[in-house]
Amino acid sequence: MDLDVYVTAHRAEWDRLDHLLGRGRRLTGAEADELVALYQRTATHLSVVQTTAPDPALTARLTQLVARARATVTGTRRASWRDAAHFLTTGFPAAVYRSRHWWVPTAVLSTLLAALIGWWIGAHPEVQSAIAAPDELRQMTRPGGEYETYYSSHPAASFAAQVWTNNARAAALCLVLGAFLCVPVLWILFLNMLNLGVGIGLMSSAGRLDTFLGLVLPHGLLELTAVFVAAGTGLRLGWTLIDPGPHSRRTALAQQGRAAVGMAVGLALVLFVAGLIEGFVTPSGLPTWARIGIGVAAETAFLLYVYVLGGRASRAGEDGDVEAADRSAELPTAA
C-alpha cells in the first residue's frame, strides 16, 4: 500500500473528525451521526495502517483520534450498585462456570495428590522422622497438640482476618502468575497440597485422622474450592498465551485477563466466608458433625450458585468479561 496516497485519500475525513470532536457537545443530530460514522471509518483506517504500512506518527495520530471519538460516542459511566449486583448474580458465577473445565480437574488431581502424599507419609515412619523429631511429632499430633490448638491460638476475629488475607493473596497469585505459562500456579498448588498431605499423614499415623478432618473440613471445603478455581483460572490464562484460539494473542489474553481480575474480586468474597468459618466455627465447641455440616452447607451453596446461576447466565451469553462499553476498542482483524 502506498501510504502517501492512502493519507491523501482519507486526510479530509480525519480532519473532519478532529473538528467535530473539538466542538464537544455542541453538535446537531446530523453532526452526531456523522461523528459516529467517521469514528467507525477511522478505526478501520487505523487497523489498515497498522497491518499493512505501520507508520509511528500516523498510527499515533489515528490512535488518539479513535480513542477521543470512542470516549465521545460511548460517554463515561460510573459504577453503581446495579453493576455490583450484576457482577455477583451474573458475571462472577458465569465466569466460574465457564472455567469449570479447568478448575474441576485441578481440584480432583490436587486432592488425589494430597491423599497420596498423606498415605506416603503415614505409611513410612522414616519419612515422618525426616519431617521432625519423634518428640516434636508427638507434640503436634497429641490431643490438645499444635494441630488442634492452631485454630484457637488467636482471637477469632483477628484469626479470621489473617486467614482471609493469606488465602486471598494465594488466590490472587494463582490468577496473576498464570500468565507465566502456568508454572508458578502449579508450584503454589503443590505447596498447598503438600501442607495438607503432611497433616493427613502425620495425624493418620497417630490414629487421629478423624480429628484432623473434623478440623479441616468445616472451612477447608470452601477454601480449597476457591483456591482450585483461582488455580484453574490461572492455568487457563497461561494456556491462552500458548493457544489463543480464533482471536489474536493480545485480544484473547486481554479478555481472559479481565475475567481473571473479576474472578479475584469474587473469590476474595468467597474466601472471606471461608475465613469466617475458620475463625468462628472450626475452633468452636460445636459437635464435629455440626461443624462439618456447616462446611458442607457452605460448599453446597457455592456450587449451586455457580452451576445454577452461573450456568443460566453462561447459556444466556454472559462470559464474565466487562461490558462492551467498558472495554478498549478492538480493531478489526485481517482475515
C-alpha atoms as a PDB file:
ATOM      1  CA  MET A   1       0.000   0.000   0.000  1.00  0.00           C
ATOM      2  CA  ASP A   2       1.228   3.472  -0.905  1.00  0.00           C
ATOM      3  CA  LEU A   3       0.976   5.289   2.422  1.00  0.00           C
ATOM      4  CA  ASP A   4       1.107   8.781   0.917  1.00  0.00           C
ATOM      5  CA  VAL A   5      -1.787   8.027  -1.415  1.00  0.00           C
ATOM      6  CA  TYR A   6      -3.787   6.496   1.470  1.00  0.00           C
ATOM      7  CA  VAL A   7      -3.219   9.547   3.662  1.00  0.00           C
ATOM      8  CA  THR A   8      -4.203  11.908   0.862  1.00  0.00           C
ATOM      9  CA  ALA A   9      -7.408   9.924   0.257  1.00  0.00           C
ATOM     10  CA  HIS A  10      -8.554   9.962   3.890  1.00  0.00           C
ATOM     11  CA  ARG A  11      -6.965  13.040   5.498  1.00  0.00           C
ATOM     12  CA  ALA A  12     -10.098  15.113   4.992  1.00  0.00           C
ATOM     13  CA  GLU A  13     -12.143  12.566   6.982  1.00  0.00           C
ATOM     14  CA  TRP A  14      -9.639  12.592   9.843  1.00  0.00           C
ATOM     15  CA  ASP A  15      -9.556  16.389   9.898  1.00  0.00           C
ATOM     16  CA  ARG A  16     -13.357  16.495   9.909  1.00  0.00           C
ATOM     17  CA  LEU A  17     -13.496  14.018  12.808  1.00  0.00           C
ATOM     18  CA  ASP A  18     -10.953  16.113  14.708  1.00  0.00           C
ATOM     19  CA  HIS A  19     -13.060  19.231  14.084  1.00  0.00           C
ATOM     20  CA  LEU A  20     -16.264  17.575  15.311  1.00  0.00           C
ATOM     21  CA  LEU A  21     -14.524  16.267  18.426  1.00  0.00           C
ATOM     22  CA  GLY A  22     -13.297  19.779  19.177  1.00  0.00           C
ATOM     23  CA  ARG A  23     -16.883  21.051  19.299  1.00  0.00           C
ATOM     24  CA  GLY A  24     -17.699  18.824  22.269  1.00  0.00           C
ATOM     25  CA  ARG A  25     -21.422  18.607  22.986  1.00  0.00           C
ATOM     26  CA  ARG A  26     -22.413  21.394  20.588  1.00  0.00           C
ATOM     27  CA  LEU A  27     -23.375  19.035  17.774  1.00  0.00           C
ATOM     28  CA  THR A  28     -26.572  18.789  15.788  1.00  0.00           C
ATOM     29  CA  GLY A  29     -28.224  15.432  15.278  1.00  0.00           C
ATOM     30  CA  ALA A  30     -26.772  15.134  11.779  1.00  0.00           C
ATOM     31  CA  GLU A  31     -23.303  16.038  13.017  1.00  0.00           C
ATOM     32  CA  ALA A  32     -23.533  13.430  15.797  1.00  0.00           C
ATOM     33  CA  ASP A  33     -24.415  10.772  13.214  1.00  0.00           C
ATOM     34  CA  GLU A  34     -21.519  11.963  11.071  1.00  0.00           C
ATOM     35  CA  LEU A  35     -19.152  11.707  14.044  1.00  0.00           C
ATOM     36  CA  VAL A  36     -20.169   8.105  14.682  1.00  0.00           C
ATOM     37  CA  ALA A  37     -19.658   7.172  11.020  1.00  0.00           C
ATOM     38  CA  LEU A  38     -16.267   8.907  10.920  1.00  0.00           C
ATOM     39  CA  TYR A  39     -15.243   7.166  14.149  1.00  0.00           C
ATOM     40  CA  GLN A  40     -16.023   3.757  12.653  1.00  0.00           C
ATOM     41  CA  ARG A  41     -14.196   4.527   9.417  1.00  0.00           C
ATOM     42  CA  THR A  42     -11.162   5.935  11.217  1.00  0.00           C
ATOM     43  CA  ALA A  43     -10.949   2.808  13.389  1.00  0.00           C
ATOM     44  CA  THR A  44     -10.853   0.764  10.190  1.00  0.00           C
ATOM     45  CA  HIS A  45      -8.205   3.080   8.722  1.00  0.00           C
ATOM     46  CA  LEU A  46      -6.086   2.604  11.846  1.00  0.00           C
ATOM     47  CA  SER A  47      -6.358  -1.165  11.503  1.00  0.00           C
ATOM     48  CA  VAL A  48      -5.310  -0.999   7.847  1.00  0.00           C
ATOM     49  CA  VAL A  49      -2.329   1.237   8.592  1.00  0.00           C
ATOM     50  CA  GLN A  50      -1.158  -0.971  11.492  1.00  0.00           C
ATOM     51  CA  THR A  51      -1.478  -4.109   9.366  1.00  0.00           C
ATOM     52  CA  THR A  52      -0.043  -3.050   6.013  1.00  0.00           C
ATOM     53  CA  ALA A  53       2.100   0.085   6.477  1.00  0.00           C
ATOM     54  CA  PRO A  54       2.805   0.825  10.136  1.00  0.00           C
ATOM     55  CA  ASP A  55       3.985   4.404  10.424  1.00  0.00           C
ATOM     56  CA  PRO A  56       4.614   5.554  14.027  1.00  0.00           C
ATOM     57  CA  ALA A  57       3.479   9.159  13.565  1.00  0.00           C
ATOM     58  CA  LEU A  58       0.333   8.308  11.607  1.00  0.00           C
ATOM     59  CA  THR A  59      -0.530   5.416  13.939  1.00  0.00           C
ATOM     60  CA  ALA A  60      -0.199   7.713  16.948  1.00  0.00           C
ATOM     61  CA  ARG A  61      -2.483  10.334  15.413  1.00  0.00           C
ATOM     62  CA  LEU A  62      -5.154   7.849  14.383  1.00  0.00           C
ATOM     63  CA  THR A  63      -4.988   6.056  17.754  1.00  0.00           C
ATOM     64  CA  GLN A  64      -5.579   9.355  19.529  1.00  0.00           C
ATOM     65  CA  LEU A  65      -8.467  10.203  17.221  1.00  0.00           C
ATOM     66  CA  VAL A  66     -10.106   6.803  17.710  1.00  0.00           C
ATOM     67  CA  ALA A  67      -9.715   6.999  21.499  1.00  0.00           C
ATOM     68  CA  ARG A  68     -11.204  10.518  21.678  1.00  0.00           C
ATOM     69  CA  ALA A  69     -14.057   9.565  19.380  1.00  0.00           C
ATOM     70  CA  ARG A  70     -14.837   6.437  21.344  1.00  0.00           C
ATOM     71  CA  ALA A  71     -14.945   8.419  24.590  1.00  0.00           C
ATOM     72  CA  THR A  72     -17.320  10.895  22.959  1.00  0.00           C
ATOM     73  CA  VAL A  73     -19.558   8.255  21.399  1.00  0.00           C
ATOM     74  CA  THR A  74     -19.808   5.919  24.375  1.00  0.00           C
ATOM     75  CA  GLY A  75     -19.543   8.535  27.091  1.00  0.00           C
ATOM     76  CA  THR A  76     -18.373   7.845  30.621  1.00  0.00           C
ATOM     77  CA  ARG A  77     -20.215   5.696  33.078  1.00  0.00           C
ATOM     78  CA  ARG A  78     -19.867   5.413  36.823  1.00  0.00           C
ATOM     79  CA  ALA A  79     -20.086   2.132  38.623  1.00  0.00           C
ATOM     80  CA  SER A  80     -23.322   1.690  40.550  1.00  0.00           C
ATOM     81  CA  TRP A  81     -24.931  -0.761  42.910  1.00  0.00           C
ATOM     82  CA  ARG A  82     -26.631  -2.242  39.849  1.00  0.00           C
ATOM     83  CA  ASP A  83     -23.181  -3.114  38.461  1.00  0.00           C
ATOM     84  CA  ALA A  84     -22.244  -4.793  41.746  1.00  0.00           C
ATOM     85  CA  ALA A  85     -25.486  -6.775  41.761  1.00  0.00           C
ATOM     86  CA  HIS A  86     -24.950  -7.807  38.141  1.00  0.00           C
ATOM     87  CA  PHE A  87     -21.425  -8.952  38.946  1.00  0.00           C
ATOM     88  CA  LEU A  88     -22.496 -11.033  41.958  1.00  0.00           C
ATOM     89  CA  THR A  89     -25.571 -12.601  40.362  1.00  0.00           C
ATOM     90  CA  THR A  90     -24.396 -12.971  36.774  1.00  0.00           C
ATOM     91  CA  GLY A  91     -20.815 -12.050  35.881  1.00  0.00           C
ATOM     92  CA  PHE A  92     -18.848 -13.839  38.594  1.00  0.00           C
ATOM     93  CA  PRO A  93     -20.825 -17.119  38.712  1.00  0.00           C
ATOM     94  CA  ALA A  94     -20.811 -17.257  34.907  1.00  0.00           C
ATOM     95  CA  ALA A  95     -17.032 -16.806  34.821  1.00  0.00           C
ATOM     96  CA  VAL A  96     -16.551 -19.596  37.371  1.00  0.00           C
ATOM     97  CA  TYR A  97     -18.979 -21.838  35.491  1.00  0.00           C
ATOM     98  CA  ARG A  98     -17.280 -21.249  32.135  1.00  0.00           C
ATOM     99  CA  SER A  99     -13.876 -22.125  33.604  1.00  0.00           C
ATOM    100  CA  ARG A 100     -15.136 -25.355  35.222  1.00  0.00           C
ATOM    101  CA  HIS A 101     -13.297 -27.482  32.661  1.00  0.00           C
ATOM    102  CA  TRP A 102     -10.100 -26.106  34.168  1.00  0.00           C
ATOM    103  CA  TRP A 103     -10.752 -25.934  37.896  1.00  0.00           C
ATOM    104  CA  VAL A 104     -12.706 -29.180  38.345  1.00  0.00           C
ATOM    105  CA  PRO A 105      -9.849 -31.370  37.004  1.00  0.00           C
ATOM    106  CA  THR A 106      -7.446 -29.196  39.008  1.00  0.00           C
ATOM    107  CA  ALA A 107      -9.464 -29.931  42.158  1.00  0.00           C
ATOM    108  CA  VAL A 108      -9.627 -33.677  41.505  1.00  0.00           C
ATOM    109  CA  LEU A 109      -5.942 -34.085  40.695  1.00  0.00           C
ATOM    110  CA  SER A 110      -4.839 -31.853  43.587  1.00  0.00           C
ATOM    111  CA  THR A 111      -6.991 -33.744  46.083  1.00  0.00           C
ATOM    112  CA  LEU A 112      -5.591 -37.050  44.848  1.00  0.00           C
ATOM    113  CA  LEU A 113      -2.065 -35.657  45.195  1.00  0.00           C
ATOM    114  CA  ALA A 114      -2.726 -34.574  48.806  1.00  0.00           C
ATOM    115  CA  ALA A 115      -4.184 -38.001  49.619  1.00  0.00           C
ATOM    116  CA  LEU A 116      -1.184 -39.732  48.014  1.00  0.00           C
ATOM    117  CA  ILE A 117       1.268 -37.592  49.980  1.00  0.00           C
ATOM    118  CA  GLY A 118      -0.705 -38.285  53.158  1.00  0.00           C
ATOM    119  CA  TRP A 119      -0.642 -42.036  52.557  1.00  0.00           C
ATOM    120  CA  TRP A 120       3.097 -41.987  51.770  1.00  0.00           C
ATOM    121  CA  ILE A 121       3.932 -40.109  54.957  1.00  0.00           C
ATOM    122  CA  GLY A 122       1.561 -42.122  57.122  1.00  0.00           C
ATOM    123  CA  ALA A 123       2.829 -45.471  55.843  1.00  0.00           C
ATOM    124  CA  HIS A 124       6.551 -44.705  56.098  1.00  0.00           C
ATOM    125  CA  PRO A 125       7.942 -43.900  59.568  1.00  0.00           C
ATOM    126  CA  GLU A 126      11.292 -42.966  58.041  1.00  0.00           C
ATOM    127  CA  VAL A 127       9.594 -40.152  56.131  1.00  0.00           C
ATOM    128  CA  GLN A 128       7.959 -38.933  59.349  1.00  0.00           C
ATOM    129  CA  SER A 129      11.319 -38.904  61.124  1.00  0.00           C
ATOM    130  CA  ALA A 130      12.726 -36.813  58.272  1.00  0.00           C
ATOM    131  CA  ILE A 131      10.000 -34.223  58.864  1.00  0.00           C
ATOM    132  CA  ALA A 132      10.613 -33.744  62.590  1.00  0.00           C
ATOM    133  CA  ALA A 133      11.964 -35.481  65.664  1.00  0.00           C
ATOM    134  CA  PRO A 134       9.651 -38.022  67.367  1.00  0.00           C
ATOM    135  CA  ASP A 135       9.018 -35.727  70.356  1.00  0.00           C
ATOM    136  CA  GLU A 136       8.079 -32.869  68.054  1.00  0.00           C
ATOM    137  CA  LEU A 137       5.722 -35.109  66.082  1.00  0.00           C
ATOM    138  CA  ARG A 138       4.003 -36.227  69.294  1.00  0.00           C
ATOM    139  CA  GLN A 139       3.674 -32.584  70.343  1.00  0.00           C
ATOM    140  CA  MET A 140       1.944 -31.757  67.058  1.00  0.00           C
ATOM    141  CA  THR A 141      -0.401 -34.744  66.882  1.00  0.00           C
ATOM    142  CA  ARG A 142      -1.330 -35.461  70.532  1.00  0.00           C
ATOM    143  CA  PRO A 143      -4.761 -34.432  71.928  1.00  0.00           C
ATOM    144  CA  GLY A 144      -4.532 -30.725  72.565  1.00  0.00           C
ATOM    145  CA  GLY A 145      -1.393 -30.535  70.402  1.00  0.00           C
ATOM    146  CA  GLU A 146      -0.415 -27.974  67.825  1.00  0.00           C
ATOM    147  CA  TYR A 147      -2.740 -29.236  65.111  1.00  0.00           C
ATOM    148  CA  GLU A 148      -5.732 -28.730  67.410  1.00  0.00           C
ATOM    149  CA  THR A 149      -4.720 -25.505  69.160  1.00  0.00           C
ATOM    150  CA  TYR A 150      -3.723 -23.783  65.902  1.00  0.00           C
ATOM    151  CA  TYR A 151      -7.308 -22.748  65.188  1.00  0.00           C
ATOM    152  CA  SER A 152      -7.869 -21.288  68.665  1.00  0.00           C
ATOM    153  CA  SER A 153      -4.426 -19.753  69.189  1.00  0.00           C
ATOM    154  CA  HIS A 154      -5.660 -16.224  68.399  1.00  0.00           C
ATOM    155  CA  PRO A 155      -8.907 -14.268  68.895  1.00  0.00           C
ATOM    156  CA  ALA A 156     -11.475 -15.426  66.356  1.00  0.00           C
ATOM    157  CA  ALA A 157     -11.881 -12.092  64.580  1.00  0.00           C
ATOM    158  CA  SER A 158      -8.172 -11.420  64.089  1.00  0.00           C
ATOM    159  CA  PHE A 159      -7.551 -15.049  63.117  1.00  0.00           C
ATOM    160  CA  ALA A 160     -10.328 -14.919  60.513  1.00  0.00           C
ATOM    161  CA  ALA A 161      -8.894 -11.679  59.084  1.00  0.00           C
ATOM    162  CA  GLN A 162      -5.398 -13.159  58.925  1.00  0.00           C
ATOM    163  CA  VAL A 163      -6.610 -16.336  57.235  1.00  0.00           C
ATOM    164  CA  TRP A 164      -8.673 -14.350  54.743  1.00  0.00           C
ATOM    165  CA  THR A 165      -5.721 -12.123  53.856  1.00  0.00           C
ATOM    166  CA  ASN A 166      -3.356 -15.060  53.353  1.00  0.00           C
ATOM    167  CA  ASN A 167      -5.803 -17.071  51.271  1.00  0.00           C
ATOM    168  CA  ALA A 168      -6.839 -14.081  49.161  1.00  0.00           C
ATOM    169  CA  ARG A 169      -3.162 -13.394  48.454  1.00  0.00           C
ATOM    170  CA  ALA A 170      -2.601 -17.012  47.400  1.00  0.00           C
ATOM    171  CA  ALA A 171      -5.652 -16.930  45.112  1.00  0.00           C
ATOM    172  CA  ALA A 172      -4.544 -13.633  43.579  1.00  0.00           C
ATOM    173  CA  LEU A 173      -1.065 -15.043  42.945  1.00  0.00           C
ATOM    174  CA  CYS A 174      -2.581 -18.032  41.157  1.00  0.00           C
ATOM    175  CA  LEU A 175      -4.621 -15.714  38.953  1.00  0.00           C
ATOM    176  CA  VAL A 176      -1.824 -13.280  38.183  1.00  0.00           C
ATOM    177  CA  LEU A 177       1.068 -15.726  37.802  1.00  0.00           C
ATOM    178  CA  GLY A 178      -0.909 -17.879  35.384  1.00  0.00           C
ATOM    179  CA  ALA A 179       0.326 -15.561  32.632  1.00  0.00           C
ATOM    180  CA  PHE A 180       3.823 -17.010  33.183  1.00  0.00           C
ATOM    181  CA  LEU A 181       2.987 -20.192  31.240  1.00  0.00           C
ATOM    182  CA  CYS A 182       1.250 -21.876  34.228  1.00  0.00           C
ATOM    183  CA  VAL A 183       4.437 -22.948  36.057  1.00  0.00           C
ATOM    184  CA  PRO A 184       4.103 -20.718  39.185  1.00  0.00           C
ATOM    185  CA  VAL A 185       0.471 -21.799  39.590  1.00  0.00           C
ATOM    186  CA  LEU A 186       1.458 -25.456  39.633  1.00  0.00           C
ATOM    187  CA  TRP A 187       4.105 -24.711  42.267  1.00  0.00           C
ATOM    188  CA  ILE A 188       1.628 -22.845  44.512  1.00  0.00           C
ATOM    189  CA  LEU A 189      -0.823 -25.721  44.167  1.00  0.00           C
ATOM    190  CA  PHE A 190       1.855 -28.252  45.032  1.00  0.00           C
ATOM    191  CA  LEU A 191       2.854 -26.368  48.194  1.00  0.00           C
ATOM    192  CA  ASN A 192      -0.770 -26.216  49.348  1.00  0.00           C
ATOM    193  CA  MET A 193      -1.316 -29.911  48.707  1.00  0.00           C
ATOM    194  CA  LEU A 194       1.990 -30.762  50.362  1.00  0.00           C
ATOM    195  CA  ASN A 195       0.950 -28.957  53.560  1.00  0.00           C
ATOM    196  CA  LEU A 196      -2.412 -30.713  53.523  1.00  0.00           C
ATOM    197  CA  GLY A 197      -0.813 -34.085  52.805  1.00  0.00           C
ATOM    198  CA  VAL A 198       1.676 -33.713  55.668  1.00  0.00           C
ATOM    199  CA  GLY A 199      -1.170 -33.044  58.081  1.00  0.00           C
ATOM    200  CA  ILE A 200      -3.106 -36.042  56.807  1.00  0.00           C
ATOM    201  CA  GLY A 201      -0.085 -38.311  57.011  1.00  0.00           C
ATOM    202  CA  LEU A 202       1.079 -37.294  60.485  1.00  0.00           C
ATOM    203  CA  MET A 203      -2.373 -37.323  62.072  1.00  0.00           C
ATOM    204  CA  SER A 204      -3.290 -40.644  60.453  1.00  0.00           C
ATOM    205  CA  SER A 205      -0.073 -42.217  61.736  1.00  0.00           C
ATOM    206  CA  ALA A 206      -1.099 -41.085  65.234  1.00  0.00           C
ATOM    207  CA  GLY A 207      -4.565 -42.612  64.774  1.00  0.00           C
ATOM    208  CA  ARG A 208      -6.237 -39.202  64.829  1.00  0.00           C
ATOM    209  CA  LEU A 209      -7.192 -38.651  61.187  1.00  0.00           C
ATOM    210  CA  ASP A 210     -10.842 -38.191  62.182  1.00  0.00           C
ATOM    211  CA  THR A 211      -9.870 -35.302  64.455  1.00  0.00           C
ATOM    212  CA  PHE A 212      -7.799 -33.700  61.708  1.00  0.00           C
ATOM    213  CA  LEU A 213     -10.602 -33.946  59.151  1.00  0.00           C
ATOM    214  CA  GLY A 214     -13.061 -32.600  61.697  1.00  0.00           C
ATOM    215  CA  LEU A 215     -10.886 -29.506  61.984  1.00  0.00           C
ATOM    216  CA  VAL A 216     -10.087 -29.056  58.292  1.00  0.00           C
ATOM    217  CA  LEU A 217     -13.371 -29.860  56.545  1.00  0.00           C
ATOM    218  CA  PRO A 218     -15.600 -27.103  58.019  1.00  0.00           C
ATOM    219  CA  HIS A 219     -13.638 -24.313  56.331  1.00  0.00           C
ATOM    220  CA  GLY A 220     -11.408 -26.357  54.011  1.00  0.00           C
ATOM    221  CA  LEU A 221     -14.134 -27.407  51.566  1.00  0.00           C
ATOM    222  CA  LEU A 222     -14.980 -23.838  50.547  1.00  0.00           C
ATOM    223  CA  GLU A 223     -11.443 -22.538  50.996  1.00  0.00           C
ATOM    224  CA  LEU A 224      -9.831 -25.178  48.787  1.00  0.00           C
ATOM    225  CA  THR A 225     -12.565 -24.842  46.175  1.00  0.00           C
ATOM    226  CA  ALA A 226     -11.759 -21.132  45.902  1.00  0.00           C
ATOM    227  CA  VAL A 227      -8.048 -21.946  45.567  1.00  0.00           C
ATOM    228  CA  PHE A 228      -8.818 -24.547  42.877  1.00  0.00           C
ATOM    229  CA  VAL A 229     -10.962 -22.045  40.974  1.00  0.00           C
ATOM    230  CA  ALA A 230      -8.154 -19.478  41.146  1.00  0.00           C
ATOM    231  CA  ALA A 231      -5.569 -22.042  40.059  1.00  0.00           C
ATOM    232  CA  GLY A 232      -7.733 -23.301  37.207  1.00  0.00           C
ATOM    233  CA  THR A 233      -8.337 -19.756  36.002  1.00  0.00           C
ATOM    234  CA  GLY A 234      -4.613 -19.022  36.224  1.00  0.00           C
ATOM    235  CA  LEU A 235      -3.828 -22.135  34.206  1.00  0.00           C
ATOM    236  CA  ARG A 236      -6.406 -21.142  31.622  1.00  0.00           C
ATOM    237  CA  LEU A 237      -4.828 -17.683  31.399  1.00  0.00           C
ATOM    238  CA  GLY A 238      -1.402 -19.232  30.899  1.00  0.00           C
ATOM    239  CA  TRP A 239      -2.695 -21.598  28.233  1.00  0.00           C
ATOM    240  CA  THR A 240      -4.144 -18.612  26.353  1.00  0.00           C
ATOM    241  CA  LEU A 241      -0.588 -17.480  25.707  1.00  0.00           C
ATOM    242  CA  ILE A 242       0.139 -20.840  24.109  1.00  0.00           C
ATOM    243  CA  ASP A 243      -3.148 -21.284  22.245  1.00  0.00           C
ATOM    244  CA  PRO A 244      -5.196 -18.054  21.901  1.00  0.00           C
ATOM    245  CA  GLY A 245      -7.831 -19.752  19.759  1.00  0.00           C
ATOM    246  CA  PRO A 246      -9.590 -17.791  16.992  1.00  0.00           C
ATOM    247  CA  HIS A 247      -8.548 -14.393  18.410  1.00  0.00           C
ATOM    248  CA  SER A 248      -5.209 -12.682  18.306  1.00  0.00           C
ATOM    249  CA  ARG A 249      -2.997 -13.499  21.289  1.00  0.00           C
ATOM    250  CA  ARG A 250      -3.332  -9.932  22.574  1.00  0.00           C
ATOM    251  CA  THR A 251      -7.135  -9.900  22.337  1.00  0.00           C
ATOM    252  CA  ALA A 252      -7.542 -13.355  23.894  1.00  0.00           C
ATOM    253  CA  LEU A 253      -5.154 -12.538  26.736  1.00  0.00           C
ATOM    254  CA  ALA A 254      -6.939  -9.241  27.411  1.00  0.00           C
ATOM    255  CA  GLN A 255     -10.321 -10.997  27.555  1.00  0.00           C
ATOM    256  CA  GLN A 256      -9.089 -13.721  29.899  1.00  0.00           C
ATOM    257  CA  GLY A 257      -7.185 -11.175  31.978  1.00  0.00           C
ATOM    258  CA  ARG A 258     -10.260  -9.010  32.523  1.00  0.00           C
ATOM    259  CA  ALA A 259     -12.250 -12.076  33.554  1.00  0.00           C
ATOM    260  CA  ALA A 260      -9.430 -13.086  35.935  1.00  0.00           C
ATOM    261  CA  VAL A 261      -9.485  -9.677  37.630  1.00  0.00           C
ATOM    262  CA  GLY A 262     -13.217 -10.009  38.219  1.00  0.00           C
ATOM    263  CA  MET A 263     -12.637 -13.550  39.451  1.00  0.00           C
ATOM    264  CA  ALA A 264     -10.137 -12.253  42.010  1.00  0.00           C
ATOM    265  CA  VAL A 265     -12.755  -9.922  43.474  1.00  0.00           C
ATOM    266  CA  GLY A 266     -15.387 -12.646  43.629  1.00  0.00           C
ATOM    267  CA  LEU A 267     -13.036 -15.204  45.144  1.00  0.00           C
ATOM    268  CA  ALA A 268     -11.986 -12.685  47.791  1.00  0.00           C
ATOM    269  CA  LEU A 269     -15.627 -12.651  48.930  1.00  0.00           C
ATOM    270  CA  VAL A 270     -15.783 -16.461  48.900  1.00  0.00           C
ATOM    271  CA  LEU A 271     -12.579 -16.672  50.928  1.00  0.00           C
ATOM    272  CA  PHE A 272     -13.980 -14.110  53.349  1.00  0.00           C
ATOM    273  CA  VAL A 273     -16.807 -16.534  54.115  1.00  0.00           C
ATOM    274  CA  ALA A 274     -14.306 -19.382  54.455  1.00  0.00           C
ATOM    275  CA  GLY A 275     -12.233 -17.226  56.813  1.00  0.00           C
ATOM    276  CA  LEU A 276     -15.272 -16.543  58.992  1.00  0.00           C
ATOM    277  CA  ILE A 277     -15.944 -20.275  59.232  1.00  0.00           C
ATOM    278  CA  GLU A 278     -12.299 -20.985  60.060  1.00  0.00           C
ATOM    279  CA  GLY A 279     -12.195 -18.251  62.678  1.00  0.00           C
ATOM    280  CA  PHE A 280     -15.537 -18.816  64.394  1.00  0.00           C
ATOM    281  CA  VAL A 281     -16.831 -22.308  63.529  1.00  0.00           C
ATOM    282  CA  THR A 282     -13.740 -24.541  63.306  1.00  0.00           C
ATOM    283  CA  PRO A 283     -12.461 -23.783  66.851  1.00  0.00           C
ATOM    284  CA  SER A 284     -15.945 -23.605  68.365  1.00  0.00           C
ATOM    285  CA  GLY A 285     -17.356 -26.068  70.862  1.00  0.00           C
ATOM    286  CA  LEU A 286     -19.922 -27.358  68.385  1.00  0.00           C
ATOM    287  CA  PRO A 287     -20.027 -31.119  67.779  1.00  0.00           C
ATOM    288  CA  THR A 288     -17.869 -32.314  64.915  1.00  0.00           C
ATOM    289  CA  TRP A 289     -20.899 -33.271  62.829  1.00  0.00           C
ATOM    290  CA  ALA A 290     -22.341 -29.768  63.221  1.00  0.00           C
ATOM    291  CA  ARG A 291     -19.093 -28.054  62.229  1.00  0.00           C
ATOM    292  CA  ILE A 292     -18.667 -30.295  59.188  1.00  0.00           C
ATOM    293  CA  GLY A 293     -22.339 -29.785  58.349  1.00  0.00           C
ATOM    294  CA  ILE A 294     -21.803 -26.014  58.230  1.00  0.00           C
ATOM    295  CA  GLY A 295     -18.825 -26.521  55.904  1.00  0.00           C
ATOM    296  CA  VAL A 296     -20.781 -28.855  53.640  1.00  0.00           C
ATOM    297  CA  ALA A 297     -23.693 -26.369  53.552  1.00  0.00           C
ATOM    298  CA  ALA A 298     -21.370 -23.511  52.556  1.00  0.00           C
ATOM    299  CA  GLU A 299     -19.734 -25.625  49.856  1.00  0.00           C
ATOM    300  CA  THR A 300     -23.091 -26.814  48.522  1.00  0.00           C
ATOM    301  CA  ALA A 301     -24.412 -23.250  48.423  1.00  0.00           C
ATOM    302  CA  PHE A 302     -21.385 -22.118  46.420  1.00  0.00           C
ATOM    303  CA  LEU A 303     -21.649 -24.969  43.919  1.00  0.00           C
ATOM    304  CA  LEU A 304     -25.368 -24.318  43.434  1.00  0.00           C
ATOM    305  CA  TYR A 305     -24.585 -20.627  43.000  1.00  0.00           C
ATOM    306  CA  VAL A 306     -22.060 -21.476  40.259  1.00  0.00           C
ATOM    307  CA  TYR A 307     -23.938 -24.243  38.456  1.00  0.00           C
ATOM    308  CA  VAL A 308     -27.453 -22.778  38.686  1.00  0.00           C
ATOM    309  CA  LEU A 309     -26.952 -19.005  38.452  1.00  0.00           C
ATOM    310  CA  GLY A 310     -23.675 -19.252  36.564  1.00  0.00           C
ATOM    311  CA  GLY A 311     -24.907 -21.922  34.185  1.00  0.00           C
ATOM    312  CA  ARG A 312     -28.040 -19.948  33.387  1.00  0.00           C
ATOM    313  CA  ALA A 313     -26.049 -16.750  32.811  1.00  0.00           C
ATOM    314  CA  SER A 314     -23.478 -18.561  30.674  1.00  0.00           C
ATOM    315  CA  ARG A 315     -26.147 -20.073  28.455  1.00  0.00           C
ATOM    316  CA  ALA A 316     -27.568 -16.562  28.037  1.00  0.00           C
ATOM    317  CA  GLY A 317     -24.221 -15.386  26.666  1.00  0.00           C
ATOM    318  CA  GLU A 318     -22.532 -13.987  29.783  1.00  0.00           C
ATOM    319  CA  ASP A 319     -18.794 -14.696  29.831  1.00  0.00           C
ATOM    320  CA  GLY A 320     -17.612 -12.817  32.925  1.00  0.00           C
ATOM    321  CA  ASP A 321     -15.927 -10.098  30.865  1.00  0.00           C
ATOM    322  CA  VAL A 322     -16.687  -6.440  31.462  1.00  0.00           C
ATOM    323  CA  GLU A 323     -19.449  -4.861  29.405  1.00  0.00           C
ATOM    324  CA  ALA A 324     -18.595  -3.960  25.833  1.00  0.00           C
ATOM    325  CA  ALA A 325     -18.831  -0.241  26.578  1.00  0.00           C
ATOM    326  CA  ASP A 326     -16.097  -0.564  29.201  1.00  0.00           C
ATOM    327  CA  ARG A 327     -13.616  -2.470  27.040  1.00  0.00           C
ATOM    328  CA  SER A 328     -10.861  -0.967  24.979  1.00  0.00           C
ATOM    329  CA  ALA A 329     -11.803  -0.592  21.354  1.00  0.00           C
ATOM    330  CA  GLU A 330     -10.981  -3.722  19.386  1.00  0.00           C
ATOM    331  CA  LEU A 331      -9.871  -3.079  15.874  1.00  0.00           C
ATOM    332  CA  PRO A 332     -10.906  -5.320  13.004  1.00  0.00           C
ATOM    333  CA  THR A 333      -8.535  -8.225  12.436  1.00  0.00           C
ATOM    334  CA  ALA A 334      -7.394  -9.047   8.955  1.00  0.00           C
ATOM    335  CA  ALA A 335      -8.513 -12.461   7.798  1.00  0.00           C
END
